[in-house]
Amino acid sequence: MEILLIVLIGYLLGSIPSAVIVSQVFFGFDIRKKGSGNMGSTNTFRVLGWKAGVAVQLLDILKGVAAVAVAVKVFHGVLPFPNATGFEDITVVKTIAGVAAVIGHIWTAFAGFKGGKGINTALGMLIGIAPVELAVAVGIFLLVVSASGYVSLASMIAAVALPTTMVVRYNIFHVDIEGYHTLILFCIGLAALIIFSHRANIRRLAEGRENRFNKLRIFHR
């Protein structure tokens, strides 16, 4: 029952539609009716400006952090069933809660089960689970955005970079990553989920119709 409670709480926290709340409370309209129609931070940046975009981004990150924090508080770091993952109990608890929050962000119960892409909420979850891999993925994200101006492309490449970095660190540099064989599967699954949530963006990229932030193209002449 505790696990079901944590999944439910994580999902509901992730489902909080930050962009919709900010757009309606401070701007008087629903962000889903403007721009790309997405309720993520990227569309918020584009439609409402950088201040609102940063606010939504931070709120979405906090959803992942909050889900993990609540799970730790409920379980006190101990699972109510045998742990066969190779992780410490606390890591499993964080992962379950964080994934539930990401799913809630992508398929929010408060907005017709249509949400954002899950990037920021996943970021909040990964801060406490895979900080080194996350730092590398964020760096790659910034490089791709600076070169292309496509936030969606950068997000997908960064998502793939997460498990790739883990594979390289563990198998090539022989870094001891606790619970690697379980964690790598989780990271691959998370990357697949994020890419799946970007399927419409992939179509627009292939057709040359994807929105581009030219102001972010630092390396573009």
Foldseek 3Di string as FASTA:
>chain_A
DLLVVLLVLLLQLLQPLLQQCCCCPPPNDGLLVDDPSASALVSCCVPVNDVSSVVRLVSNLVSLLVSLVVLCVSQVQDDPDDDPQQDRSSLVSLLSSLVSSLCSQCQPPVPNGHHHLSQSSNLSSCVPHPVVLLVVLVVQLLVCCQAWQANLVSSLVSLVSSLVVLCCCCPPVVDDDGSSVRVSVSSVVVSVSSVVSCVVVVVCVVVVNHDGRPVSNNVDD
